[in-house]
Amino acid sequence: MIKYDELMKTLRKGQYDATAYLLCGDESYYIDLASQFIEQHVLDETAREMDQIVVYGKDLSGDDISPVIGHARGFAMMGGKKVVIVKEAQTIKKWESLGLYMEHPQPNTVLVICYKFGNPDKRLTVWKNFEKNGGVWMQSDKLRDYQMAAWIQSYLESEIRTKRLNISFERSVPQLLSDYIGTDMSGVAKAVDKLILGMPEGQNCIDAALIERNLGISKDFNVFELQNALITGDVVKANRITRYFASSKSHPMIKELGVLYNFFSNLMIYHYLSDKSERVAGPALGVPPFFVKDYAQAARRFSAGKTFRIIGYFRDTDARLKGIDNPSATDEDLWKELIYKILH
């Protein structure tokens, strides 16, 4: 079992030596990238017309992979490689013919199985023998919420470098996109493309105003600004933002609480780091190095003991939000009480 980066190292070298490729997991982003690369690079445009077949699992009669195996066993019309790609393979129920194929695979066939939103049942014999018979299993897992800002930071830097763009981005941008798009990598990629294409002539920086204009994410009323208000002790701003949250369907309290809870949980870790430099603290907290400054500032306002109590406030608020010991308090009431406890 390998990850996306490891698989791509071999594919970019033109090495398609596996008997078959299983691309699976909860995160479809890397599955799409890997399958698209194979679809676009194994064969040239002329050969694709004759020797590349793309099948969707939902179109297979009886949810059986047998017709795909029939294609895989055939020879390439152009005498080179043959590419057979199965998309949305998670709908397939009958895999027996794949097991038989893997015992004597067609050496010139590149068979790719895209299994999204989960994994095949590893207890089945066909999957137990898959890797034993030369199959490559690529696992694509979703990132955790706290990992997304760092991933977006890396993605932005990669896009700017790869496309040789003469632009930069504000340090708040990765967290803003993470807060509002969540862990949907494909959604983030589309949003970044939209931001780059939507940059006015003469502007060379992706900032909060550009995000608000192109994606509808308010630069003034978001959890990143709320976090900053708490760090700086701005009671008025914090209450103004949370009142807006309470009146907006786009800011469910449970989601925004999660972001803040992660920040203060990381702050507790920061308090006990022996080396608080950006180089060491960033990886320890799972955030881009430039975010360490926020933790350093927050640590000056909130001691370790206070941070511990704040984490307790979040847990209590979460329970009350779910109806435990809360007969009548509204989201606005809960926000107001929470902000008071944090800042006093």
C-alpha atoms as a PDB file:
ATOM      1  CA  MET A   1       0.000   0.000   0.000  1.00  0.00           C
ATOM      2  CA  ILE A   2       1.454   3.342  -1.055  1.00  0.00           C
ATOM      3  CA  LYS A   3       0.518   7.026  -0.991  1.00  0.00           C
ATOM      4  CA  TYR A   4      -0.081   9.379  -3.912  1.00  0.00           C
ATOM      5  CA  ASP A   5       3.376  10.975  -3.919  1.00  0.00           C
ATOM      6  CA  GLU A   6       5.113   7.605  -3.995  1.00  0.00           C
ATOM      7  CA  LEU A   7       2.933   6.402  -6.878  1.00  0.00           C
ATOM      8  CA  MET A   8       3.492   9.569  -8.888  1.00  0.00           C
ATOM      9  CA  LYS A   9       7.283   9.248  -8.630  1.00  0.00           C
ATOM     10  CA  THR A  10       7.109   6.076 -10.713  1.00  0.00           C
ATOM     11  CA  LEU A  11       4.375   7.257 -13.089  1.00  0.00           C
ATOM     12  CA  ARG A  12       6.229  10.481 -13.946  1.00  0.00           C
ATOM     13  CA  LYS A  13       9.222   8.349 -14.923  1.00  0.00           C
ATOM     14  CA  GLY A  14       6.982   6.501 -17.378  1.00  0.00           C
ATOM     15  CA  GLN A  15       7.098   3.335 -15.300  1.00  0.00           C
ATOM     16  CA  TYR A  16       3.741   1.546 -15.596  1.00  0.00           C
ATOM     17  CA  ASP A  17       4.968  -1.852 -14.449  1.00  0.00           C
ATOM     18  CA  ALA A  18       2.179  -2.899 -12.068  1.00  0.00           C
ATOM     19  CA  THR A  19      -0.211  -5.637 -13.151  1.00  0.00           C
ATOM     20  CA  ALA A  20      -3.034  -3.314 -12.026  1.00  0.00           C
ATOM     21  CA  TYR A  21      -3.579  -0.122 -10.033  1.00  0.00           C
ATOM     22  CA  LEU A  22      -6.191   0.233  -7.311  1.00  0.00           C
ATOM     23  CA  LEU A  23      -6.729   3.901  -6.401  1.00  0.00           C
ATOM     24  CA  CYS A  24      -8.975   4.033  -3.352  1.00  0.00           C
ATOM     25  CA  GLY A  25      -9.838   5.905  -0.167  1.00  0.00           C
ATOM     26  CA  ASP A  26     -12.075   8.549   1.343  1.00  0.00           C
ATOM     27  CA  GLU A  27     -10.366  11.459  -0.463  1.00  0.00           C
ATOM     28  CA  SER A  28     -11.246  11.470  -4.166  1.00  0.00           C
ATOM     29  CA  TYR A  29      -8.842  14.318  -5.035  1.00  0.00           C
ATOM     30  CA  TYR A  30      -5.714  12.174  -5.331  1.00  0.00           C
ATOM     31  CA  ILE A  31      -7.644   9.357  -7.000  1.00  0.00           C
ATOM     32  CA  ASP A  32      -8.718  11.764  -9.740  1.00  0.00           C
ATOM     33  CA  LEU A  33      -5.220  13.222 -10.143  1.00  0.00           C
ATOM     34  CA  ALA A  34      -3.532   9.829 -10.461  1.00  0.00           C
ATOM     35  CA  SER A  35      -6.115   8.393 -12.873  1.00  0.00           C
ATOM     36  CA  GLN A  36      -6.055  11.552 -15.002  1.00  0.00           C
ATOM     37  CA  PHE A  37      -2.281  11.364 -15.242  1.00  0.00           C
ATOM     38  CA  ILE A  38      -2.431   7.772 -16.501  1.00  0.00           C
ATOM     39  CA  GLU A  39      -5.273   8.643 -18.864  1.00  0.00           C
ATOM     40  CA  GLN A  40      -3.292  11.516 -20.388  1.00  0.00           C
ATOM     41  CA  HIS A  41       0.291  10.185 -20.410  1.00  0.00           C
ATOM     42  CA  VAL A  42       0.495   6.442 -21.071  1.00  0.00           C
ATOM     43  CA  LEU A  43      -0.677   6.690 -24.691  1.00  0.00           C
ATOM     44  CA  ASP A  44      -0.362   9.412 -27.282  1.00  0.00           C
ATOM     45  CA  GLU A  45      -3.489  10.967 -28.765  1.00  0.00           C
ATOM     46  CA  THR A  46      -3.643   8.581 -31.728  1.00  0.00           C
ATOM     47  CA  ALA A  47      -3.217   5.436 -29.626  1.00  0.00           C
ATOM     48  CA  ARG A  48      -5.852   6.602 -27.173  1.00  0.00           C
ATOM     49  CA  GLU A  49      -8.503   6.379 -29.867  1.00  0.00           C
ATOM     50  CA  MET A  50      -7.802   2.670 -30.329  1.00  0.00           C
ATOM     51  CA  ASP A  51      -6.333   1.371 -27.099  1.00  0.00           C
ATOM     52  CA  GLN A  52      -7.797   3.346 -24.190  1.00  0.00           C
ATOM     53  CA  ILE A  53     -11.096   2.329 -22.632  1.00  0.00           C
ATOM     54  CA  VAL A  54     -12.865   4.132 -19.788  1.00  0.00           C
ATOM     55  CA  VAL A  55     -15.728   2.309 -18.061  1.00  0.00           C
ATOM     56  CA  TYR A  56     -17.972   3.475 -15.195  1.00  0.00           C
ATOM     57  CA  GLY A  57     -18.910   1.007 -12.503  1.00  0.00           C
ATOM     58  CA  LYS A  58     -22.578   2.024 -12.567  1.00  0.00           C
ATOM     59  CA  ASP A  59     -22.772   1.064 -16.255  1.00  0.00           C
ATOM     60  CA  LEU A  60     -21.652  -2.535 -15.710  1.00  0.00           C
ATOM     61  CA  SER A  61     -24.443  -5.076 -15.953  1.00  0.00           C
ATOM     62  CA  GLY A  62     -25.053  -6.941 -12.728  1.00  0.00           C
ATOM     63  CA  ASP A  63     -22.430  -4.879 -10.885  1.00  0.00           C
ATOM     64  CA  ASP A  64     -19.873  -7.363 -12.249  1.00  0.00           C
ATOM     65  CA  ILE A  65     -16.340  -6.394 -13.302  1.00  0.00           C
ATOM     66  CA  SER A  66     -16.168  -9.254 -15.846  1.00  0.00           C
ATOM     67  CA  PRO A  67     -16.694  -7.028 -18.954  1.00  0.00           C
ATOM     68  CA  VAL A  68     -13.764  -4.859 -17.839  1.00  0.00           C
ATOM     69  CA  ILE A  69     -11.555  -7.937 -17.489  1.00  0.00           C
ATOM     70  CA  GLY A  70     -12.542  -8.906 -21.022  1.00  0.00           C
ATOM     71  CA  HIS A  71     -11.159  -5.575 -22.230  1.00  0.00           C
ATOM     72  CA  ALA A  72      -8.035  -5.982 -20.104  1.00  0.00           C
ATOM     73  CA  ARG A  73      -7.234  -9.388 -21.600  1.00  0.00           C
ATOM     74  CA  GLY A  74      -7.356  -8.048 -25.156  1.00  0.00           C
ATOM     75  CA  PHE A  75      -4.284  -6.994 -27.097  1.00  0.00           C
ATOM     76  CA  ALA A  76      -3.448  -3.424 -28.034  1.00  0.00           C
ATOM     77  CA  MET A  77      -4.492  -2.570 -31.576  1.00  0.00           C
ATOM     78  CA  MET A  78      -1.460  -0.304 -32.041  1.00  0.00           C
ATOM     79  CA  GLY A  79       0.957  -2.879 -30.702  1.00  0.00           C
ATOM     80  CA  GLY A  80       1.980  -0.962 -27.556  1.00  0.00           C
ATOM     81  CA  LYS A  81       0.218  -0.460 -24.240  1.00  0.00           C
ATOM     82  CA  LYS A  82      -3.518  -0.822 -23.648  1.00  0.00           C
ATOM     83  CA  VAL A  83      -5.148   1.300 -20.947  1.00  0.00           C
ATOM     84  CA  VAL A  84      -8.354   0.211 -19.207  1.00  0.00           C
ATOM     85  CA  ILE A  85      -9.729   2.558 -16.537  1.00  0.00           C
ATOM     86  CA  VAL A  86     -12.677   1.768 -14.283  1.00  0.00           C
ATOM     87  CA  LYS A  87     -14.170   4.878 -12.663  1.00  0.00           C
ATOM     88  CA  GLU A  88     -16.641   4.889  -9.746  1.00  0.00           C
ATOM     89  CA  ALA A  89     -15.687   1.268  -9.076  1.00  0.00           C
ATOM     90  CA  GLN A  90     -17.185   1.394  -5.576  1.00  0.00           C
ATOM     91  CA  THR A  91     -20.531   0.388  -7.143  1.00  0.00           C
ATOM     92  CA  ILE A  92     -19.136  -2.969  -8.299  1.00  0.00           C
ATOM     93  CA  LYS A  93     -20.115  -5.978  -6.173  1.00  0.00           C
ATOM     94  CA  LYS A  94     -18.681  -8.955  -8.075  1.00  0.00           C
ATOM     95  CA  TRP A  95     -14.873  -9.044  -8.256  1.00  0.00           C
ATOM     96  CA  GLU A  96     -14.153 -12.738  -8.845  1.00  0.00           C
ATOM     97  CA  SER A  97     -12.987 -12.301 -12.437  1.00  0.00           C
ATOM     98  CA  LEU A  98     -10.421  -9.722 -11.295  1.00  0.00           C
ATOM     99  CA  GLY A  99      -8.891 -12.342  -9.008  1.00  0.00           C
ATOM    100  CA  LEU A 100      -8.590 -14.782 -11.920  1.00  0.00           C
ATOM    101  CA  TYR A 101      -7.128 -12.066 -14.146  1.00  0.00           C
ATOM    102  CA  MET A 102      -4.490 -11.136 -11.575  1.00  0.00           C
ATOM    103  CA  GLU A 103      -3.148 -14.721 -11.686  1.00  0.00           C
ATOM    104  CA  HIS A 104      -2.240 -14.284 -15.380  1.00  0.00           C
ATOM    105  CA  PRO A 105      -2.467 -10.575 -16.234  1.00  0.00           C
ATOM    106  CA  GLN A 106      -1.978  -9.198 -19.736  1.00  0.00           C
ATOM    107  CA  PRO A 107       1.535  -7.695 -19.542  1.00  0.00           C
ATOM    108  CA  ASN A 108       0.825  -4.811 -21.931  1.00  0.00           C
ATOM    109  CA  THR A 109      -2.404  -3.735 -20.217  1.00  0.00           C
ATOM    110  CA  VAL A 110      -2.472  -0.868 -17.711  1.00  0.00           C
ATOM    111  CA  LEU A 111      -5.577  -1.636 -15.634  1.00  0.00           C
ATOM    112  CA  VAL A 112      -6.695   1.158 -13.303  1.00  0.00           C
ATOM    113  CA  ILE A 113      -9.506   0.782 -10.756  1.00  0.00           C
ATOM    114  CA  CYS A 114     -10.793   4.002  -9.139  1.00  0.00           C
ATOM    115  CA  TYR A 115     -12.642   3.154  -5.927  1.00  0.00           C
ATOM    116  CA  LYS A 116     -13.863   6.347  -4.232  1.00  0.00           C
ATOM    117  CA  PHE A 117     -15.304   7.220  -0.815  1.00  0.00           C
ATOM    118  CA  GLY A 118     -13.955   4.187   0.975  1.00  0.00           C
ATOM    119  CA  ASN A 119     -11.982   0.987   0.503  1.00  0.00           C
ATOM    120  CA  PRO A 120     -12.763  -2.482  -0.827  1.00  0.00           C
ATOM    121  CA  ASP A 121     -13.319  -5.224   1.711  1.00  0.00           C
ATOM    122  CA  LYS A 122      -9.758  -6.339   2.412  1.00  0.00           C
ATOM    123  CA  ARG A 123     -11.052  -9.612   3.827  1.00  0.00           C
ATOM    124  CA  LEU A 124     -12.010 -10.805   0.340  1.00  0.00           C
ATOM    125  CA  THR A 125      -9.528 -13.167  -1.277  1.00  0.00           C
ATOM    126  CA  VAL A 126      -9.319 -11.055  -4.417  1.00  0.00           C
ATOM    127  CA  TRP A 127      -7.893  -8.102  -2.461  1.00  0.00           C
ATOM    128  CA  LYS A 128      -5.672 -10.235  -0.261  1.00  0.00           C
ATOM    129  CA  ASN A 129      -4.022 -11.522  -3.426  1.00  0.00           C
ATOM    130  CA  PHE A 130      -4.086  -8.228  -5.317  1.00  0.00           C
ATOM    131  CA  GLU A 131      -0.716  -6.925  -4.128  1.00  0.00           C
ATOM    132  CA  LYS A 132       0.793 -10.423  -3.998  1.00  0.00           C
ATOM    133  CA  ASN A 133       0.213 -10.664  -7.737  1.00  0.00           C
ATOM    134  CA  GLY A 134       1.852  -7.345  -8.601  1.00  0.00           C
ATOM    135  CA  GLY A 135      -1.055  -4.956  -8.065  1.00  0.00           C
ATOM    136  CA  VAL A 136      -0.344  -1.495  -6.661  1.00  0.00           C
ATOM    137  CA  TRP A 137      -2.749  -0.275  -3.959  1.00  0.00           C
ATOM    138  CA  MET A 138      -2.775   3.518  -3.543  1.00  0.00           C
ATOM    139  CA  GLN A 139      -4.506   4.758  -0.414  1.00  0.00           C
ATOM    140  CA  SER A 140      -5.964   8.284  -0.489  1.00  0.00           C
ATOM    141  CA  ASP A 141      -7.040   9.441   2.980  1.00  0.00           C
ATOM    142  CA  LYS A 142      -8.802  12.655   3.924  1.00  0.00           C
ATOM    143  CA  LEU A 143      -6.813  15.214   5.859  1.00  0.00           C
ATOM    144  CA  ARG A 144      -7.918  16.300   9.309  1.00  0.00           C
ATOM    145  CA  ASP A 145      -9.308  19.816   9.781  1.00  0.00           C
ATOM    146  CA  TYR A 146      -6.148  20.977  11.516  1.00  0.00           C
ATOM    147  CA  GLN A 147      -4.010  19.783   8.576  1.00  0.00           C
ATOM    148  CA  MET A 148      -5.845  21.699   5.842  1.00  0.00           C
ATOM    149  CA  ALA A 149      -4.321  25.157   6.309  1.00  0.00           C
ATOM    150  CA  ALA A 150      -0.821  23.725   5.919  1.00  0.00           C
ATOM    151  CA  TRP A 151      -1.908  21.734   2.855  1.00  0.00           C
ATOM    152  CA  ILE A 152      -3.506  24.827   1.283  1.00  0.00           C
ATOM    153  CA  GLN A 153      -0.352  26.800   2.001  1.00  0.00           C
ATOM    154  CA  SER A 154       1.694  24.130   0.206  1.00  0.00           C
ATOM    155  CA  TYR A 155      -0.814  23.914  -2.662  1.00  0.00           C
ATOM    156  CA  LEU A 156      -0.768  27.675  -3.219  1.00  0.00           C
ATOM    157  CA  GLU A 157       3.019  27.752  -3.211  1.00  0.00           C
ATOM    158  CA  SER A 158       3.129  24.828  -5.646  1.00  0.00           C
ATOM    159  CA  GLU A 159       0.629  26.447  -8.029  1.00  0.00           C
ATOM    160  CA  ILE A 160       2.530  29.742  -8.001  1.00  0.00           C
ATOM    161  CA  ARG A 161       5.846  27.975  -8.569  1.00  0.00           C
ATOM    162  CA  THR A 162       4.623  25.501 -11.209  1.00  0.00           C
ATOM    163  CA  LYS A 163       2.700  28.084 -13.225  1.00  0.00           C
ATOM    164  CA  ARG A 164       5.451  30.685 -12.720  1.00  0.00           C
ATOM    165  CA  LEU A 165       2.985  33.256 -11.438  1.00  0.00           C
ATOM    166  CA  ASN A 166       4.261  36.568 -10.157  1.00  0.00           C
ATOM    167  CA  ILE A 167       1.835  36.659  -7.237  1.00  0.00           C
ATOM    168  CA  SER A 168       1.787  36.132  -3.483  1.00  0.00           C
ATOM    169  CA  PHE A 169      -0.913  35.625  -0.838  1.00  0.00           C
ATOM    170  CA  GLU A 170      -1.708  36.993   2.596  1.00  0.00           C
ATOM    171  CA  ARG A 171      -0.904  34.730   5.514  1.00  0.00           C
ATOM    172  CA  SER A 172      -4.592  34.541   6.488  1.00  0.00           C
ATOM    173  CA  VAL A 173      -5.626  33.032   3.136  1.00  0.00           C
ATOM    174  CA  PRO A 174      -4.879  29.328   3.866  1.00  0.00           C
ATOM    175  CA  GLN A 175      -6.846  29.432   7.112  1.00  0.00           C
ATOM    176  CA  LEU A 176      -9.736  31.350   5.531  1.00  0.00           C
ATOM    177  CA  LEU A 177     -10.072  28.778   2.752  1.00  0.00           C
ATOM    178  CA  SER A 178      -9.730  25.938   5.244  1.00  0.00           C
ATOM    179  CA  ASP A 179     -12.427  27.360   7.514  1.00  0.00           C
ATOM    180  CA  TYR A 180     -14.993  27.761   4.755  1.00  0.00           C
ATOM    181  CA  ILE A 181     -14.248  24.910   2.378  1.00  0.00           C
ATOM    182  CA  GLY A 182     -13.223  22.385   4.983  1.00  0.00           C
ATOM    183  CA  THR A 183     -11.304  19.249   3.994  1.00  0.00           C
ATOM    184  CA  ASP A 184     -12.606  19.123   0.410  1.00  0.00           C
ATOM    185  CA  MET A 185      -9.307  19.205  -1.506  1.00  0.00           C
ATOM    186  CA  SER A 186     -11.016  19.368  -4.896  1.00  0.00           C
ATOM    187  CA  GLY A 187     -13.081  22.314  -3.652  1.00  0.00           C
ATOM    188  CA  VAL A 188      -9.940  24.091  -2.474  1.00  0.00           C
ATOM    189  CA  ALA A 189      -8.216  23.508  -5.820  1.00  0.00           C
ATOM    190  CA  LYS A 190     -11.204  24.937  -7.701  1.00  0.00           C
ATOM    191  CA  ALA A 191     -11.371  27.921  -5.343  1.00  0.00           C
ATOM    192  CA  VAL A 192      -7.668  28.690  -5.812  1.00  0.00           C
ATOM    193  CA  ASP A 193      -8.043  28.485  -9.593  1.00  0.00           C
ATOM    194  CA  LYS A 194     -10.993  30.853  -9.388  1.00  0.00           C
ATOM    195  CA  LEU A 195      -9.027  33.307  -7.253  1.00  0.00           C
ATOM    196  CA  ILE A 196      -6.059  33.297  -9.620  1.00  0.00           C
ATOM    197  CA  LEU A 197      -8.251  33.763 -12.693  1.00  0.00           C
ATOM    198  CA  GLY A 198     -10.285  36.455 -10.936  1.00  0.00           C
ATOM    199  CA  MET A 199      -7.354  38.660  -9.951  1.00  0.00           C
ATOM    200  CA  PRO A 200      -7.825  42.179 -11.353  1.00  0.00           C
ATOM    201  CA  GLU A 201      -5.172  43.521 -13.654  1.00  0.00           C
ATOM    202  CA  GLY A 202      -2.382  45.095 -11.644  1.00  0.00           C
ATOM    203  CA  GLN A 203      -3.085  43.071  -8.468  1.00  0.00           C
ATOM    204  CA  ASN A 204      -0.468  40.506  -7.543  1.00  0.00           C
ATOM    205  CA  CYS A 205      -1.617  39.349  -4.102  1.00  0.00           C
ATOM    206  CA  ILE A 206      -4.443  36.999  -3.089  1.00  0.00           C
ATOM    207  CA  ASP A 207      -5.957  38.730  -0.090  1.00  0.00           C
ATOM    208  CA  ALA A 208      -9.113  38.602   2.025  1.00  0.00           C
ATOM    209  CA  ALA A 209     -10.860  41.190  -0.157  1.00  0.00           C
ATOM    210  CA  LEU A 210     -10.281  39.084  -3.291  1.00  0.00           C
ATOM    211  CA  ILE A 211     -11.642  36.024  -1.492  1.00  0.00           C
ATOM    212  CA  GLU A 212     -14.750  37.925  -0.430  1.00  0.00           C
ATOM    213  CA  ARG A 213     -15.328  39.239  -3.949  1.00  0.00           C
ATOM    214  CA  ASN A 214     -14.812  35.909  -5.728  1.00  0.00           C
ATOM    215  CA  LEU A 215     -15.944  33.311  -3.199  1.00  0.00           C
ATOM    216  CA  GLY A 216     -18.370  35.239  -1.010  1.00  0.00           C
ATOM    217  CA  ILE A 217     -16.348  34.675   2.162  1.00  0.00           C
ATOM    218  CA  SER A 218     -16.563  37.797   4.286  1.00  0.00           C
ATOM    219  CA  LYS A 219     -13.205  39.294   5.226  1.00  0.00           C
ATOM    220  CA  ASP A 220     -14.709  40.841   8.368  1.00  0.00           C
ATOM    221  CA  PHE A 221     -16.986  38.084   9.664  1.00  0.00           C
ATOM    222  CA  ASN A 222     -15.121  34.787   9.707  1.00  0.00           C
ATOM    223  CA  VAL A 223     -13.655  32.503  12.312  1.00  0.00           C
ATOM    224  CA  PHE A 224     -10.111  33.641  11.517  1.00  0.00           C
ATOM    225  CA  GLU A 225     -11.054  37.211  12.467  1.00  0.00           C
ATOM    226  CA  LEU A 226     -12.834  35.907  15.579  1.00  0.00           C
ATOM    227  CA  GLN A 227      -9.703  34.022  16.548  1.00  0.00           C
ATOM    228  CA  ASN A 228      -7.652  37.205  16.124  1.00  0.00           C
ATOM    229  CA  ALA A 229     -10.157  39.150  18.233  1.00  0.00           C
ATOM    230  CA  LEU A 230      -9.747  36.616  21.042  1.00  0.00           C
ATOM    231  CA  ILE A 231      -5.966  36.723  20.789  1.00  0.00           C
ATOM    232  CA  THR A 232      -5.927  40.522  20.989  1.00  0.00           C
ATOM    233  CA  GLY A 233      -8.678  40.710  23.608  1.00  0.00           C
ATOM    234  CA  ASP A 234     -11.052  42.706  21.384  1.00  0.00           C
ATOM    235  CA  VAL A 235     -14.360  42.041  23.165  1.00  0.00           C
ATOM    236  CA  VAL A 236     -16.440  44.289  20.894  1.00  0.00           C
ATOM    237  CA  LYS A 237     -15.201  42.722  17.687  1.00  0.00           C
ATOM    238  CA  ALA A 238     -15.570  39.183  19.040  1.00  0.00           C
ATOM    239  CA  ASN A 239     -19.191  39.785  20.034  1.00  0.00           C
ATOM    240  CA  ARG A 240     -19.976  41.506  16.724  1.00  0.00           C
ATOM    241  CA  ILE A 241     -18.660  38.515  14.770  1.00  0.00           C
ATOM    242  CA  THR A 242     -20.484  35.937  16.905  1.00  0.00           C
ATOM    243  CA  ARG A 243     -23.764  37.853  16.604  1.00  0.00           C
ATOM    244  CA  TYR A 244     -23.319  37.647  12.855  1.00  0.00           C
ATOM    245  CA  PHE A 245     -22.563  33.913  13.130  1.00  0.00           C
ATOM    246  CA  ALA A 246     -25.725  33.333  15.152  1.00  0.00           C
ATOM    247  CA  SER A 247     -27.844  34.992  12.454  1.00  0.00           C
ATOM    248  CA  SER A 248     -26.190  33.252   9.485  1.00  0.00           C
ATOM    249  CA  LYS A 249     -26.870  29.740   8.199  1.00  0.00           C
ATOM    250  CA  SER A 250     -23.384  29.762   6.663  1.00  0.00           C
ATOM    251  CA  HIS A 251     -21.730  29.703  10.098  1.00  0.00           C
ATOM    252  CA  PRO A 252     -23.141  26.785  12.099  1.00  0.00           C
ATOM    253  CA  MET A 253     -21.905  27.082  15.653  1.00  0.00           C
ATOM    254  CA  ILE A 254     -20.714  23.482  15.815  1.00  0.00           C
ATOM    255  CA  LYS A 255     -18.343  24.100  12.875  1.00  0.00           C
ATOM    256  CA  GLU A 256     -16.884  27.371  14.169  1.00  0.00           C
ATOM    257  CA  LEU A 257     -16.463  25.924  17.646  1.00  0.00           C
ATOM    258  CA  GLY A 258     -14.425  23.108  16.142  1.00  0.00           C
ATOM    259  CA  VAL A 259     -11.969  25.539  14.553  1.00  0.00           C
ATOM    260  CA  LEU A 260     -11.511  27.508  17.771  1.00  0.00           C
ATOM    261  CA  TYR A 261     -11.247  24.342  19.854  1.00  0.00           C
ATOM    262  CA  ASN A 262      -8.422  23.109  17.617  1.00  0.00           C
ATOM    263  CA  PHE A 263      -6.614  26.416  18.022  1.00  0.00           C
ATOM    264  CA  PHE A 264      -6.753  26.367  21.829  1.00  0.00           C
ATOM    265  CA  SER A 265      -5.859  22.651  21.929  1.00  0.00           C
ATOM    266  CA  ASN A 266      -2.770  23.515  19.903  1.00  0.00           C
ATOM    267  CA  LEU A 267      -2.110  26.461  22.215  1.00  0.00           C
ATOM    268  CA  MET A 268      -1.958  24.051  25.151  1.00  0.00           C
ATOM    269  CA  ILE A 269       0.627  21.999  23.265  1.00  0.00           C
ATOM    270  CA  TYR A 270       2.567  25.188  22.449  1.00  0.00           C
ATOM    271  CA  HIS A 271       2.764  26.129  26.117  1.00  0.00           C
ATOM    272  CA  TYR A 272       4.702  22.936  26.878  1.00  0.00           C
ATOM    273  CA  LEU A 273       7.047  22.910  23.892  1.00  0.00           C
ATOM    274  CA  SER A 274      10.649  23.249  25.010  1.00  0.00           C
ATOM    275  CA  ASP A 275      11.569  24.778  21.636  1.00  0.00           C
ATOM    276  CA  LYS A 276       8.998  27.352  20.517  1.00  0.00           C
ATOM    277  CA  SER A 277      10.779  28.432  17.337  1.00  0.00           C
ATOM    278  CA  GLU A 278       8.766  28.448  14.104  1.00  0.00           C
ATOM    279  CA  ARG A 279      10.971  25.694  12.700  1.00  0.00           C
ATOM    280  CA  VAL A 280      10.116  23.296  15.539  1.00  0.00           C
ATOM    281  CA  ALA A 281       6.689  24.511  16.714  1.00  0.00           C
ATOM    282  CA  GLY A 282       5.102  24.565  13.236  1.00  0.00           C
ATOM    283  CA  PRO A 283       5.484  20.806  12.596  1.00  0.00           C
ATOM    284  CA  ALA A 284       4.674  20.013  16.236  1.00  0.00           C
ATOM    285  CA  LEU A 285       1.363  21.866  15.948  1.00  0.00           C
ATOM    286  CA  GLY A 286       0.660  20.772  12.369  1.00  0.00           C
ATOM    287  CA  VAL A 287       0.474  24.355  11.081  1.00  0.00           C
ATOM    288  CA  PRO A 288       2.522  26.460   8.623  1.00  0.00           C
ATOM    289  CA  PRO A 289       5.481  28.100  10.407  1.00  0.00           C
ATOM    290  CA  PHE A 290       4.110  31.622   9.981  1.00  0.00           C
ATOM    291  CA  PHE A 291       1.090  30.703  12.166  1.00  0.00           C
ATOM    292  CA  VAL A 292       3.358  30.093  15.148  1.00  0.00           C
ATOM    293  CA  LYS A 293       3.357  33.863  15.732  1.00  0.00           C
ATOM    294  CA  ASP A 294      -0.366  33.659  16.498  1.00  0.00           C
ATOM    295  CA  TYR A 295       0.272  31.001  19.141  1.00  0.00           C
ATOM    296  CA  ALA A 296       3.115  33.026  20.628  1.00  0.00           C
ATOM    297  CA  GLN A 297       0.817  36.045  20.909  1.00  0.00           C
ATOM    298  CA  ALA A 298      -2.031  33.972  22.323  1.00  0.00           C
ATOM    299  CA  ALA A 299       0.302  32.371  24.884  1.00  0.00           C
ATOM    300  CA  ARG A 300       1.094  35.831  26.259  1.00  0.00           C
ATOM    301  CA  ARG A 301      -2.623  36.503  26.827  1.00  0.00           C
ATOM    302  CA  PHE A 302      -3.733  33.030  27.928  1.00  0.00           C
ATOM    303  CA  SER A 303      -1.607  31.123  30.430  1.00  0.00           C
ATOM    304  CA  ALA A 304      -1.471  27.322  30.335  1.00  0.00           C
ATOM    305  CA  GLY A 305      -3.969  27.193  33.210  1.00  0.00           C
ATOM    306  CA  LYS A 306      -6.349  29.601  31.487  1.00  0.00           C
ATOM    307  CA  THR A 307      -6.010  27.677  28.220  1.00  0.00           C
ATOM    308  CA  PHE A 308      -6.925  24.473  30.032  1.00  0.00           C
ATOM    309  CA  ARG A 309     -10.067  26.132  31.415  1.00  0.00           C
ATOM    310  CA  ILE A 310     -10.973  27.516  27.964  1.00  0.00           C
ATOM    311  CA  ILE A 311     -10.840  24.017  26.487  1.00  0.00           C
ATOM    312  CA  GLY A 312     -13.292  23.025  29.202  1.00  0.00           C
ATOM    313  CA  TYR A 313     -15.559  25.939  28.222  1.00  0.00           C
ATOM    314  CA  PHE A 314     -15.617  24.656  24.641  1.00  0.00           C
ATOM    315  CA  ARG A 315     -16.578  21.162  25.751  1.00  0.00           C
ATOM    316  CA  ASP A 316     -19.328  22.527  27.977  1.00  0.00           C
ATOM    317  CA  THR A 317     -20.661  24.764  25.182  1.00  0.00           C
ATOM    318  CA  ASP A 318     -20.603  21.861  22.726  1.00  0.00           C
ATOM    319  CA  ALA A 319     -22.659  19.739  25.124  1.00  0.00           C
ATOM    320  CA  ARG A 320     -25.187  22.520  25.685  1.00  0.00           C
ATOM    321  CA  LEU A 321     -25.387  23.128  21.943  1.00  0.00           C
ATOM    322  CA  LYS A 322     -26.443  19.494  21.624  1.00  0.00           C
ATOM    323  CA  GLY A 323     -29.199  20.010  24.210  1.00  0.00           C
ATOM    324  CA  ILE A 324     -27.495  18.753  27.357  1.00  0.00           C
ATOM    325  CA  ASP A 325     -28.445  20.907  30.349  1.00  0.00           C
ATOM    326  CA  ASN A 326     -29.720  23.589  28.008  1.00  0.00           C
ATOM    327  CA  PRO A 327     -33.501  24.099  28.054  1.00  0.00           C
ATOM    328  CA  SER A 328     -33.629  27.449  26.245  1.00  0.00           C
ATOM    329  CA  ALA A 329     -30.284  29.153  25.449  1.00  0.00           C
ATOM    330  CA  THR A 330     -29.937  30.247  21.813  1.00  0.00           C
ATOM    331  CA  ASP A 331     -26.737  30.111  19.758  1.00  0.00           C
ATOM    332  CA  GLU A 332     -26.287  33.843  20.367  1.00  0.00           C
ATOM    333  CA  ASP A 333     -26.650  33.290  24.127  1.00  0.00           C
ATOM    334  CA  LEU A 334     -24.082  30.485  24.048  1.00  0.00           C
ATOM    335  CA  TRP A 335     -21.645  32.551  21.983  1.00  0.00           C
ATOM    336  CA  LYS A 336     -21.986  35.549  24.311  1.00  0.00           C
ATOM    337  CA  GLU A 337     -21.363  33.446  27.390  1.00  0.00           C
ATOM    338  CA  LEU A 338     -18.405  31.643  25.815  1.00  0.00           C
ATOM    339  CA  ILE A 339     -16.702  34.844  24.665  1.00  0.00           C
ATOM    340  CA  TYR A 340     -17.132  36.359  28.136  1.00  0.00           C
ATOM    341  CA  LYS A 341     -15.554  33.325  29.819  1.00  0.00           C
ATOM    342  CA  ILE A 342     -12.623  33.260  27.400  1.00  0.00           C
ATOM    343  CA  LEU A 343     -11.785  36.971  27.715  1.00  0.00           C
ATOM    344  CA  HIS A 344     -12.378  37.396  31.460  1.00  0.00           C
END
